[in-house]
Amino acid sequence: MPDLDDTPGMGDESEITLRAGGLTFSATTLGEGPLVLCLHGFPDNRRSFRLQLPALADAGFRAVAPTLRGYEPSSQPADGDYHIVRMAEDVAGWIDDLGAERVHLVGHDWGAVIGYAAAALVPERLASLTTLAIPYPGRLRQGIRKLPSQIRNSWYMLFFQLRGLADRAVEARDWALIEKLWRDWSPGWSPPPAELAAVKATLAEPGVKTAALAYYRAMFDVRSPAARDTNRLLESPIRVPTLAITGALDGCMDTRLHDLAIDAEDFPAGIRVERIAGAGHFVHQEKPEELNPILLDWLQAERC
């Protein structure tokens, strides 16, 4: 990965090491105050929150953006377990490692899915949950039945099940498929070339491409205890105050699913949905000037 201090938006942060489950995870941190954990998704890395960390620090929070399990060699488990329950356990371990009683959790894409699972696993450790681009998983199938066009958006999930073929295709022609996903998921937005280069460099590290695809392959595992534990978490009520932010132009997870797959009864501590016009899947990178004030107002109201 390129030197984080040499790229825009990441100049004053420091790098720390987090530990959980016998693995080590690099993380970027900035600021002092109540802790906000920011979890990236795919295809991405912890730089995903480079436009939020300074705003969080300026508002009196300590922002920490970890690298997810598998996205660097030091966090790749020997057993290759990339079920979401394991990543939720990673979050709990990070909170302990950081010496915090409770944290605010912000997650994008897979980071949002992990956020829902962590909120079900250790609700007492979360002051709030903010999800970006992903609605509540427990009713997602129900929402897709009402919006079958989402199946077309999710073609890549099935493609990633083709072991070998998908692995080669993802990396082919200088990661052209990764660039296609960014373009399709955030139509009309041109990601900074330096950010695409950083994501490609992350995926090119030893074992990372395999780990990133393993997240999707674990989704289709229906028999293992870890799969059952994951499904139980993702279908559990979210007993943490929750803010769900969606980009109106999201080409990955149709924004209408935030209307069809979110029900207040699943969120006994409260749920608020914010839709940002003109933004796609990478809403926090595309429209930080609109998203950051929403996020900061929310965190200030739920401040721990």
C-alpha atoms as a PDB file:
ATOM      1  CA  MET A   1       0.000   0.000   0.000  1.00  0.00           C
ATOM      2  CA  PRO A   2       1.265   3.534  -0.702  1.00  0.00           C
ATOM      3  CA  ASP A   3       2.601   5.501   2.240  1.00  0.00           C
ATOM      4  CA  LEU A   4      -0.526   6.913   3.907  1.00  0.00           C
ATOM      5  CA  ASP A   5       1.259  10.089   4.950  1.00  0.00           C
ATOM      6  CA  ASP A   6       2.106  10.915   1.326  1.00  0.00           C
ATOM      7  CA  THR A   7      -1.488  11.044   0.076  1.00  0.00           C
ATOM      8  CA  PRO A   8      -4.082  13.803   0.457  1.00  0.00           C
ATOM      9  CA  GLY A   9      -6.286  13.827   3.519  1.00  0.00           C
ATOM     10  CA  MET A  10      -4.099  11.520   5.595  1.00  0.00           C
ATOM     11  CA  GLY A  11      -1.275  13.774   6.758  1.00  0.00           C
ATOM     12  CA  ASP A  12      -1.852  14.272  10.496  1.00  0.00           C
ATOM     13  CA  GLU A  13      -3.064  10.816  11.445  1.00  0.00           C
ATOM     14  CA  SER A  14      -0.982   8.154  13.125  1.00  0.00           C
ATOM     15  CA  GLU A  15      -0.905   4.415  12.615  1.00  0.00           C
ATOM     16  CA  ILE A  16      -1.583   2.011  15.463  1.00  0.00           C
ATOM     17  CA  THR A  17      -1.823  -1.760  15.744  1.00  0.00           C
ATOM     18  CA  LEU A  18      -4.962  -3.453  17.050  1.00  0.00           C
ATOM     19  CA  ARG A  19      -5.179  -7.036  18.249  1.00  0.00           C
ATOM     20  CA  ALA A  20      -8.087  -9.443  18.327  1.00  0.00           C
ATOM     21  CA  GLY A  21      -8.436 -13.212  18.131  1.00  0.00           C
ATOM     22  CA  GLY A  22      -4.698 -13.754  17.807  1.00  0.00           C
ATOM     23  CA  LEU A  23      -4.498 -11.501  14.725  1.00  0.00           C
ATOM     24  CA  THR A  24      -3.035  -8.022  14.316  1.00  0.00           C
ATOM     25  CA  PHE A  25      -4.661  -5.194  12.379  1.00  0.00           C
ATOM     26  CA  SER A  26      -3.197  -1.880  11.299  1.00  0.00           C
ATOM     27  CA  ALA A  27      -5.396   1.160  11.869  1.00  0.00           C
ATOM     28  CA  THR A  28      -5.319   4.902  11.304  1.00  0.00           C
ATOM     29  CA  THR A  29      -6.278   7.157  14.206  1.00  0.00           C
ATOM     30  CA  LEU A  30      -6.831  10.879  14.655  1.00  0.00           C
ATOM     31  CA  GLY A  31      -8.170  13.041  17.479  1.00  0.00           C
ATOM     32  CA  GLU A  32      -9.037  12.640  21.141  1.00  0.00           C
ATOM     33  CA  GLY A  33     -12.368  12.024  22.820  1.00  0.00           C
ATOM     34  CA  PRO A  34     -15.172   9.460  22.553  1.00  0.00           C
ATOM     35  CA  LEU A  35     -14.151   6.663  20.218  1.00  0.00           C
ATOM     36  CA  VAL A  36     -15.558   6.265  16.700  1.00  0.00           C
ATOM     37  CA  LEU A  37     -14.614   3.083  14.835  1.00  0.00           C
ATOM     38  CA  CYS A  38     -14.881   3.410  11.027  1.00  0.00           C
ATOM     39  CA  LEU A  39     -15.061   0.130   9.087  1.00  0.00           C
ATOM     40  CA  HIS A  40     -14.393   0.008   5.338  1.00  0.00           C
ATOM     41  CA  GLY A  41     -15.916  -2.302   2.763  1.00  0.00           C
ATOM     42  CA  PHE A  42     -15.074  -3.826  -0.641  1.00  0.00           C
ATOM     43  CA  PRO A  43     -13.323  -3.000  -2.868  1.00  0.00           C
ATOM     44  CA  ASP A  44     -11.671  -0.583  -0.504  1.00  0.00           C
ATOM     45  CA  ASN A  45      -9.297  -0.094   2.411  1.00  0.00           C
ATOM     46  CA  ARG A  46      -9.137   2.006   5.558  1.00  0.00           C
ATOM     47  CA  ARG A  47      -8.407   5.141   3.526  1.00  0.00           C
ATOM     48  CA  SER A  48     -12.114   5.031   2.735  1.00  0.00           C
ATOM     49  CA  PHE A  49     -12.714   7.356   5.698  1.00  0.00           C
ATOM     50  CA  ARG A  50      -9.937   9.824   4.964  1.00  0.00           C
ATOM     51  CA  LEU A  51     -12.566  12.591   4.512  1.00  0.00           C
ATOM     52  CA  GLN A  52     -14.331  11.778   7.792  1.00  0.00           C
ATOM     53  CA  LEU A  53     -11.423  11.332  10.216  1.00  0.00           C
ATOM     54  CA  PRO A  54     -10.406  15.036  10.294  1.00  0.00           C
ATOM     55  CA  ALA A  55     -14.029  16.148  10.706  1.00  0.00           C
ATOM     56  CA  LEU A  56     -14.537  13.686  13.564  1.00  0.00           C
ATOM     57  CA  ALA A  57     -11.332  14.812  15.274  1.00  0.00           C
ATOM     58  CA  ASP A  58     -12.265  18.492  14.905  1.00  0.00           C
ATOM     59  CA  ALA A  59     -15.620  17.710  16.552  1.00  0.00           C
ATOM     60  CA  GLY A  60     -13.946  16.215  19.621  1.00  0.00           C
ATOM     61  CA  PHE A  61     -13.908  12.519  18.791  1.00  0.00           C
ATOM     62  CA  ARG A  62     -11.121   9.990  18.470  1.00  0.00           C
ATOM     63  CA  ALA A  63     -11.591   8.375  15.069  1.00  0.00           C
ATOM     64  CA  VAL A  64     -10.031   4.987  14.349  1.00  0.00           C
ATOM     65  CA  ALA A  65     -10.196   3.325  10.926  1.00  0.00           C
ATOM     66  CA  PRO A  66      -8.980  -0.297  11.127  1.00  0.00           C
ATOM     67  CA  THR A  67      -8.038  -2.584   8.288  1.00  0.00           C
ATOM     68  CA  LEU A  68     -10.584  -5.399   8.144  1.00  0.00           C
ATOM     69  CA  ARG A  69      -9.741  -9.052   8.651  1.00  0.00           C
ATOM     70  CA  GLY A  70      -7.788 -10.418   5.708  1.00  0.00           C
ATOM     71  CA  TYR A  71      -6.988  -7.086   4.081  1.00  0.00           C
ATOM     72  CA  GLU A  72      -3.324  -7.396   5.114  1.00  0.00           C
ATOM     73  CA  PRO A  73      -1.196 -10.483   5.749  1.00  0.00           C
ATOM     74  CA  SER A  74      -1.069 -10.000   9.536  1.00  0.00           C
ATOM     75  CA  SER A  75      -4.867 -10.359   9.860  1.00  0.00           C
ATOM     76  CA  GLN A  76      -5.360 -13.437   7.691  1.00  0.00           C
ATOM     77  CA  PRO A  77      -6.448 -16.357   9.906  1.00  0.00           C
ATOM     78  CA  ALA A  78      -4.862 -19.735   9.342  1.00  0.00           C
ATOM     79  CA  ASP A  79      -8.292 -21.373   9.125  1.00  0.00           C
ATOM     80  CA  GLY A  80      -9.499 -18.945   6.440  1.00  0.00           C
ATOM     81  CA  ASP A  81     -12.642 -18.077   8.417  1.00  0.00           C
ATOM     82  CA  TYR A  82     -14.249 -14.960   6.951  1.00  0.00           C
ATOM     83  CA  HIS A  83     -17.768 -15.412   8.258  1.00  0.00           C
ATOM     84  CA  ILE A  84     -19.256 -12.158   9.513  1.00  0.00           C
ATOM     85  CA  VAL A  85     -19.496 -13.468  13.069  1.00  0.00           C
ATOM     86  CA  ARG A  86     -15.679 -13.541  13.163  1.00  0.00           C
ATOM     87  CA  MET A  87     -15.450  -9.898  12.091  1.00  0.00           C
ATOM     88  CA  ALA A  88     -18.028  -8.927  14.720  1.00  0.00           C
ATOM     89  CA  GLU A  89     -15.782 -10.641  17.265  1.00  0.00           C
ATOM     90  CA  ASP A  90     -12.854  -8.650  15.859  1.00  0.00           C
ATOM     91  CA  VAL A  91     -14.784  -5.449  16.606  1.00  0.00           C
ATOM     92  CA  ALA A  92     -15.385  -6.550  20.186  1.00  0.00           C
ATOM     93  CA  GLY A  93     -11.681  -7.352  20.503  1.00  0.00           C
ATOM     94  CA  TRP A  94     -10.667  -3.959  19.120  1.00  0.00           C
ATOM     95  CA  ILE A  95     -12.892  -2.195  21.640  1.00  0.00           C
ATOM     96  CA  ASP A  96     -11.170  -4.111  24.440  1.00  0.00           C
ATOM     97  CA  ASP A  97      -7.741  -3.455  22.954  1.00  0.00           C
ATOM     98  CA  LEU A  98      -8.472   0.269  22.784  1.00  0.00           C
ATOM     99  CA  GLY A  99      -9.532   0.266  26.438  1.00  0.00           C
ATOM    100  CA  ALA A 100     -12.993   1.670  25.704  1.00  0.00           C
ATOM    101  CA  GLU A 101     -16.242   0.889  27.467  1.00  0.00           C
ATOM    102  CA  ARG A 102     -18.373   1.872  24.486  1.00  0.00           C
ATOM    103  CA  VAL A 103     -17.770   3.171  20.978  1.00  0.00           C
ATOM    104  CA  HIS A 104     -19.668   4.665  18.092  1.00  0.00           C
ATOM    105  CA  LEU A 105     -19.479   2.331  15.101  1.00  0.00           C
ATOM    106  CA  VAL A 106     -19.578   3.594  11.505  1.00  0.00           C
ATOM    107  CA  GLY A 107     -19.468   1.064   8.679  1.00  0.00           C
ATOM    108  CA  HIS A 108     -19.607   1.181   4.886  1.00  0.00           C
ATOM    109  CA  ASP A 109     -20.523  -1.793   2.676  1.00  0.00           C
ATOM    110  CA  TRP A 110     -19.100  -4.903   4.404  1.00  0.00           C
ATOM    111  CA  GLY A 111     -18.226  -2.594   7.300  1.00  0.00           C
ATOM    112  CA  ALA A 112     -21.958  -1.849   7.626  1.00  0.00           C
ATOM    113  CA  VAL A 113     -22.835  -5.551   7.612  1.00  0.00           C
ATOM    114  CA  ILE A 114     -20.208  -6.123  10.294  1.00  0.00           C
ATOM    115  CA  GLY A 115     -21.705  -3.183  12.197  1.00  0.00           C
ATOM    116  CA  TYR A 116     -25.151  -4.789  12.270  1.00  0.00           C
ATOM    117  CA  ALA A 117     -23.601  -8.047  13.468  1.00  0.00           C
ATOM    118  CA  ALA A 118     -21.508  -6.330  16.145  1.00  0.00           C
ATOM    119  CA  ALA A 119     -24.571  -4.444  17.372  1.00  0.00           C
ATOM    120  CA  ALA A 120     -26.331  -7.776  17.827  1.00  0.00           C
ATOM    121  CA  LEU A 121     -23.298  -9.457  19.410  1.00  0.00           C
ATOM    122  CA  VAL A 122     -22.245  -6.758  21.892  1.00  0.00           C
ATOM    123  CA  PRO A 123     -24.956  -4.060  22.012  1.00  0.00           C
ATOM    124  CA  GLU A 124     -23.757  -2.915  25.413  1.00  0.00           C
ATOM    125  CA  ARG A 125     -20.417  -1.887  23.866  1.00  0.00           C
ATOM    126  CA  LEU A 126     -21.926   0.399  21.208  1.00  0.00           C
ATOM    127  CA  ALA A 127     -23.168   3.919  21.875  1.00  0.00           C
ATOM    128  CA  SER A 128     -24.514   4.145  18.318  1.00  0.00           C
ATOM    129  CA  LEU A 129     -24.385   2.481  14.918  1.00  0.00           C
ATOM    130  CA  THR A 130     -24.127   4.289  11.583  1.00  0.00           C
ATOM    131  CA  THR A 131     -24.412   2.245   8.409  1.00  0.00           C
ATOM    132  CA  LEU A 132     -23.523   3.525   4.948  1.00  0.00           C
ATOM    133  CA  ALA A 133     -25.139   2.010   1.835  1.00  0.00           C
ATOM    134  CA  ILE A 134     -26.429  -1.234   3.394  1.00  0.00           C
ATOM    135  CA  PRO A 135     -29.938  -1.673   4.858  1.00  0.00           C
ATOM    136  CA  TYR A 136     -30.840  -4.069   7.663  1.00  0.00           C
ATOM    137  CA  PRO A 137     -29.771  -7.588   6.556  1.00  0.00           C
ATOM    138  CA  GLY A 138     -32.539  -9.319   8.502  1.00  0.00           C
ATOM    139  CA  ARG A 139     -35.190  -8.146   6.038  1.00  0.00           C
ATOM    140  CA  LEU A 140     -33.042  -7.886   2.920  1.00  0.00           C
ATOM    141  CA  ARG A 141     -34.487 -10.981   1.238  1.00  0.00           C
ATOM    142  CA  GLN A 142     -37.956  -9.606   1.863  1.00  0.00           C
ATOM    143  CA  GLY A 143     -36.931  -6.307   0.291  1.00  0.00           C
ATOM    144  CA  ILE A 144     -35.376  -7.975  -2.756  1.00  0.00           C
ATOM    145  CA  ARG A 145     -38.582  -9.949  -3.376  1.00  0.00           C
ATOM    146  CA  LYS A 146     -40.324  -6.591  -3.709  1.00  0.00           C
ATOM    147  CA  LEU A 147     -37.467  -5.161  -5.801  1.00  0.00           C
ATOM    148  CA  PRO A 148     -36.175  -8.036  -7.972  1.00  0.00           C
ATOM    149  CA  SER A 149     -34.019  -5.662 -10.036  1.00  0.00           C
ATOM    150  CA  GLN A 150     -31.574  -5.780  -7.107  1.00  0.00           C
ATOM    151  CA  ILE A 151     -30.634  -9.304  -8.203  1.00  0.00           C
ATOM    152  CA  ARG A 152     -29.110  -7.798 -11.351  1.00  0.00           C
ATOM    153  CA  ASN A 153     -27.137  -5.318  -9.244  1.00  0.00           C
ATOM    154  CA  SER A 154     -25.757  -8.207  -7.182  1.00  0.00           C
ATOM    155  CA  TRP A 155     -24.420 -10.239 -10.121  1.00  0.00           C
ATOM    156  CA  TYR A 156     -20.861  -9.964  -8.821  1.00  0.00           C
ATOM    157  CA  MET A 157     -21.725 -11.924  -5.662  1.00  0.00           C
ATOM    158  CA  LEU A 158     -22.589 -14.970  -7.758  1.00  0.00           C
ATOM    159  CA  PHE A 159     -19.631 -14.416 -10.072  1.00  0.00           C
ATOM    160  CA  PHE A 160     -17.265 -14.425  -7.094  1.00  0.00           C
ATOM    161  CA  GLN A 161     -18.369 -17.994  -6.321  1.00  0.00           C
ATOM    162  CA  LEU A 162     -16.505 -19.176  -9.440  1.00  0.00           C
ATOM    163  CA  ARG A 163     -13.240 -20.035  -7.751  1.00  0.00           C
ATOM    164  CA  GLY A 164     -10.236 -19.610  -9.974  1.00  0.00           C
ATOM    165  CA  LEU A 165     -12.088 -17.847 -12.778  1.00  0.00           C
ATOM    166  CA  ALA A 166     -13.241 -14.982 -10.558  1.00  0.00           C
ATOM    167  CA  ASP A 167      -9.848 -14.765  -8.869  1.00  0.00           C
ATOM    168  CA  ARG A 168      -8.147 -14.298 -12.216  1.00  0.00           C
ATOM    169  CA  ALA A 169     -10.791 -11.926 -13.569  1.00  0.00           C
ATOM    170  CA  VAL A 170     -10.629  -9.573 -10.596  1.00  0.00           C
ATOM    171  CA  GLU A 171      -6.926  -8.939 -11.137  1.00  0.00           C
ATOM    172  CA  ALA A 172      -6.914  -8.972 -14.950  1.00  0.00           C
ATOM    173  CA  ARG A 173      -5.950  -5.884 -16.954  1.00  0.00           C
ATOM    174  CA  ASP A 174      -4.717  -3.957 -13.939  1.00  0.00           C
ATOM    175  CA  TRP A 175      -7.797  -4.699 -11.814  1.00  0.00           C
ATOM    176  CA  ALA A 176     -10.209  -3.409 -14.486  1.00  0.00           C
ATOM    177  CA  LEU A 177     -13.141  -5.199 -12.806  1.00  0.00           C
ATOM    178  CA  ILE A 178     -12.499  -3.274  -9.598  1.00  0.00           C
ATOM    179  CA  GLU A 179     -12.633   0.010 -11.514  1.00  0.00           C
ATOM    180  CA  LYS A 180     -15.869  -1.149 -13.178  1.00  0.00           C
ATOM    181  CA  LEU A 181     -17.482  -1.825  -9.806  1.00  0.00           C
ATOM    182  CA  TRP A 182     -16.572   1.641  -8.546  1.00  0.00           C
ATOM    183  CA  ARG A 183     -17.996   3.227 -11.708  1.00  0.00           C
ATOM    184  CA  ASP A 184     -21.177   1.142 -11.710  1.00  0.00           C
ATOM    185  CA  TRP A 185     -21.821   1.547  -8.007  1.00  0.00           C
ATOM    186  CA  SER A 186     -21.288   5.326  -7.990  1.00  0.00           C
ATOM    187  CA  PRO A 187     -22.504   6.495 -11.409  1.00  0.00           C
ATOM    188  CA  GLY A 188     -21.310   9.904 -12.480  1.00  0.00           C
ATOM    189  CA  TRP A 189     -18.535  10.055  -9.891  1.00  0.00           C
ATOM    190  CA  SER A 190     -14.857   9.823 -10.781  1.00  0.00           C
ATOM    191  CA  PRO A 191     -12.863   8.470  -7.845  1.00  0.00           C
ATOM    192  CA  PRO A 192      -9.447  10.097  -7.392  1.00  0.00           C
ATOM    193  CA  PRO A 193      -6.817   8.068  -9.289  1.00  0.00           C
ATOM    194  CA  ALA A 194      -4.656   7.918  -6.149  1.00  0.00           C
ATOM    195  CA  GLU A 195      -7.478   6.202  -4.266  1.00  0.00           C
ATOM    196  CA  LEU A 196      -8.031   3.591  -6.956  1.00  0.00           C
ATOM    197  CA  ALA A 197      -4.285   2.978  -6.982  1.00  0.00           C
ATOM    198  CA  ALA A 198      -4.282   2.528  -3.206  1.00  0.00           C
ATOM    199  CA  VAL A 199      -7.173   0.040  -3.369  1.00  0.00           C
ATOM    200  CA  LYS A 200      -5.425  -1.951  -6.105  1.00  0.00           C
ATOM    201  CA  ALA A 201      -2.236  -1.976  -4.045  1.00  0.00           C
ATOM    202  CA  THR A 202      -4.168  -3.300  -1.046  1.00  0.00           C
ATOM    203  CA  LEU A 203      -5.764  -6.099  -3.078  1.00  0.00           C
ATOM    204  CA  ALA A 204      -2.380  -7.012  -4.564  1.00  0.00           C
ATOM    205  CA  GLU A 205      -0.820  -7.690  -1.151  1.00  0.00           C
ATOM    206  CA  PRO A 206      -0.243 -11.376  -0.398  1.00  0.00           C
ATOM    207  CA  GLY A 207      -3.490 -13.171   0.360  1.00  0.00           C
ATOM    208  CA  VAL A 208      -5.728 -10.087   0.283  1.00  0.00           C
ATOM    209  CA  LYS A 209      -7.575 -10.827  -2.964  1.00  0.00           C
ATOM    210  CA  THR A 210      -8.377 -14.324  -1.707  1.00  0.00           C
ATOM    211  CA  ALA A 211      -9.562 -12.960   1.640  1.00  0.00           C
ATOM    212  CA  ALA A 212     -11.727 -10.267   0.036  1.00  0.00           C
ATOM    213  CA  LEU A 213     -13.479 -12.842  -2.160  1.00  0.00           C
ATOM    214  CA  ALA A 214     -13.830 -15.200   0.810  1.00  0.00           C
ATOM    215  CA  TYR A 215     -16.261 -12.739   2.422  1.00  0.00           C
ATOM    216  CA  TYR A 216     -18.643 -13.376  -0.477  1.00  0.00           C
ATOM    217  CA  ARG A 217     -18.016 -17.111  -0.522  1.00  0.00           C
ATOM    218  CA  ALA A 218     -18.812 -17.374   3.175  1.00  0.00           C
ATOM    219  CA  MET A 219     -22.231 -15.844   2.397  1.00  0.00           C
ATOM    220  CA  PHE A 220     -23.171 -19.017   0.538  1.00  0.00           C
ATOM    221  CA  ASP A 221     -22.034 -21.362   3.297  1.00  0.00           C
ATOM    222  CA  VAL A 222     -25.217 -22.771   4.831  1.00  0.00           C
ATOM    223  CA  ARG A 223     -23.873 -25.651   6.892  1.00  0.00           C
ATOM    224  CA  SER A 224     -21.075 -24.536   9.197  1.00  0.00           C
ATOM    225  CA  PRO A 225     -21.640 -23.389  12.795  1.00  0.00           C
ATOM    226  CA  ALA A 226     -20.047 -20.034  11.891  1.00  0.00           C
ATOM    227  CA  ALA A 227     -22.602 -19.550   9.119  1.00  0.00           C
ATOM    228  CA  ARG A 228     -25.455 -20.300  11.496  1.00  0.00           C
ATOM    229  CA  ASP A 229     -24.029 -17.905  14.078  1.00  0.00           C
ATOM    230  CA  THR A 230     -23.693 -15.228  11.392  1.00  0.00           C
ATOM    231  CA  ASN A 231     -27.297 -15.639  10.266  1.00  0.00           C
ATOM    232  CA  ARG A 232     -28.513 -15.460  13.845  1.00  0.00           C
ATOM    233  CA  LEU A 233     -26.685 -12.178  14.395  1.00  0.00           C
ATOM    234  CA  LEU A 234     -27.833 -10.625  11.136  1.00  0.00           C
ATOM    235  CA  GLU A 235     -31.458 -11.496  11.843  1.00  0.00           C
ATOM    236  CA  SER A 236     -31.401 -10.183  15.424  1.00  0.00           C
ATOM    237  CA  PRO A 237     -33.014  -6.890  16.494  1.00  0.00           C
ATOM    238  CA  ILE A 238     -30.598  -3.952  16.653  1.00  0.00           C
ATOM    239  CA  ARG A 239     -30.781  -2.639  20.213  1.00  0.00           C
ATOM    240  CA  VAL A 240     -28.483   0.306  19.503  1.00  0.00           C
ATOM    241  CA  PRO A 241     -29.525   3.753  18.195  1.00  0.00           C
ATOM    242  CA  THR A 242     -28.995   3.478  14.440  1.00  0.00           C
ATOM    243  CA  LEU A 243     -28.487   5.932  11.589  1.00  0.00           C
ATOM    244  CA  ALA A 244     -28.672   4.466   8.070  1.00  0.00           C
ATOM    245  CA  ILE A 245     -27.317   6.648   5.253  1.00  0.00           C
ATOM    246  CA  THR A 246     -27.919   5.791   1.600  1.00  0.00           C
ATOM    247  CA  GLY A 247     -26.933   7.425  -1.668  1.00  0.00           C
ATOM    248  CA  ALA A 248     -29.934   7.985  -3.932  1.00  0.00           C
ATOM    249  CA  LEU A 249     -27.974   6.754  -6.985  1.00  0.00           C
ATOM    250  CA  ASP A 250     -26.433   3.650  -5.412  1.00  0.00           C
ATOM    251  CA  GLY A 251     -25.797   1.136  -8.195  1.00  0.00           C
ATOM    252  CA  CYS A 252     -24.744  -1.635  -5.817  1.00  0.00           C
ATOM    253  CA  MET A 253     -27.471  -1.642  -3.163  1.00  0.00           C
ATOM    254  CA  ASP A 254     -30.582   0.053  -4.521  1.00  0.00           C
ATOM    255  CA  THR A 255     -31.511   2.942  -2.229  1.00  0.00           C
ATOM    256  CA  ARG A 256     -35.166   1.817  -2.262  1.00  0.00           C
ATOM    257  CA  LEU A 257     -34.176  -1.167  -0.133  1.00  0.00           C
ATOM    258  CA  HIS A 258     -33.783   1.265   2.748  1.00  0.00           C
ATOM    259  CA  ASP A 259     -37.551   1.727   2.507  1.00  0.00           C
ATOM    260  CA  LEU A 260     -38.373  -1.937   1.898  1.00  0.00           C
ATOM    261  CA  ALA A 261     -35.961  -3.705   4.267  1.00  0.00           C
ATOM    262  CA  ILE A 262     -35.984  -1.406   7.297  1.00  0.00           C
ATOM    263  CA  ASP A 263     -38.782  -1.666   9.857  1.00  0.00           C
ATOM    264  CA  ALA A 264     -38.831   0.293  13.105  1.00  0.00           C
ATOM    265  CA  GLU A 265     -39.772  -2.826  15.058  1.00  0.00           C
ATOM    266  CA  ASP A 266     -36.305  -4.258  14.353  1.00  0.00           C
ATOM    267  CA  PHE A 267     -34.704  -1.208  15.984  1.00  0.00           C
ATOM    268  CA  PRO A 268     -36.103  -0.862  19.517  1.00  0.00           C
ATOM    269  CA  ALA A 269     -33.494   1.838  20.302  1.00  0.00           C
ATOM    270  CA  GLY A 270     -34.530   3.841  17.226  1.00  0.00           C
ATOM    271  CA  ILE A 271     -33.691   4.035  13.521  1.00  0.00           C
ATOM    272  CA  ARG A 272     -33.198   7.085  11.303  1.00  0.00           C
ATOM    273  CA  VAL A 273     -32.699   6.924   7.529  1.00  0.00           C
ATOM    274  CA  GLU A 274     -30.976   9.704   5.569  1.00  0.00           C
ATOM    275  CA  ARG A 275     -30.871   9.694   1.764  1.00  0.00           C
ATOM    276  CA  ILE A 276     -28.260  11.867   0.020  1.00  0.00           C
ATOM    277  CA  ALA A 277     -29.214  13.036  -3.455  1.00  0.00           C
ATOM    278  CA  GLY A 278     -26.699  12.742  -6.269  1.00  0.00           C
ATOM    279  CA  ALA A 279     -24.560  10.167  -4.443  1.00  0.00           C
ATOM    280  CA  GLY A 280     -23.965   6.506  -5.120  1.00  0.00           C
ATOM    281  CA  HIS A 281     -22.525   3.616  -3.158  1.00  0.00           C
ATOM    282  CA  PHE A 282     -19.388   5.429  -1.970  1.00  0.00           C
ATOM    283  CA  VAL A 283     -21.562   8.161  -0.510  1.00  0.00           C
ATOM    284  CA  HIS A 284     -19.085   9.204   2.199  1.00  0.00           C
ATOM    285  CA  GLN A 285     -16.355   9.794  -0.387  1.00  0.00           C
ATOM    286  CA  GLU A 286     -18.614  11.391  -2.986  1.00  0.00           C
ATOM    287  CA  LYS A 287     -20.526  13.854  -0.784  1.00  0.00           C
ATOM    288  CA  PRO A 288     -18.527  14.426   2.435  1.00  0.00           C
ATOM    289  CA  GLU A 289     -19.769  18.017   2.590  1.00  0.00           C
ATOM    290  CA  GLU A 290     -23.319  16.669   2.994  1.00  0.00           C
ATOM    291  CA  LEU A 291     -22.650  13.452   4.866  1.00  0.00           C
ATOM    292  CA  ASN A 292     -20.235  14.745   7.515  1.00  0.00           C
ATOM    293  CA  PRO A 293     -22.663  17.255   9.100  1.00  0.00           C
ATOM    294  CA  ILE A 294     -25.359  14.557   9.276  1.00  0.00           C
ATOM    295  CA  LEU A 295     -22.919  12.139  10.887  1.00  0.00           C
ATOM    296  CA  LEU A 296     -21.540  14.691  13.356  1.00  0.00           C
ATOM    297  CA  ASP A 297     -24.995  15.870  14.436  1.00  0.00           C
ATOM    298  CA  TRP A 298     -25.958  12.254  15.014  1.00  0.00           C
ATOM    299  CA  LEU A 299     -22.849  11.399  17.006  1.00  0.00           C
ATOM    300  CA  GLN A 300     -23.137  14.552  19.117  1.00  0.00           C
ATOM    301  CA  ALA A 301     -26.726  13.603  20.002  1.00  0.00           C
ATOM    302  CA  GLU A 302     -25.679  10.051  20.911  1.00  0.00           C
ATOM    303  CA  ARG A 303     -22.360  11.090  22.483  1.00  0.00           C
ATOM    304  CA  CYS A 304     -21.127   8.558  25.036  1.00  0.00           C
END
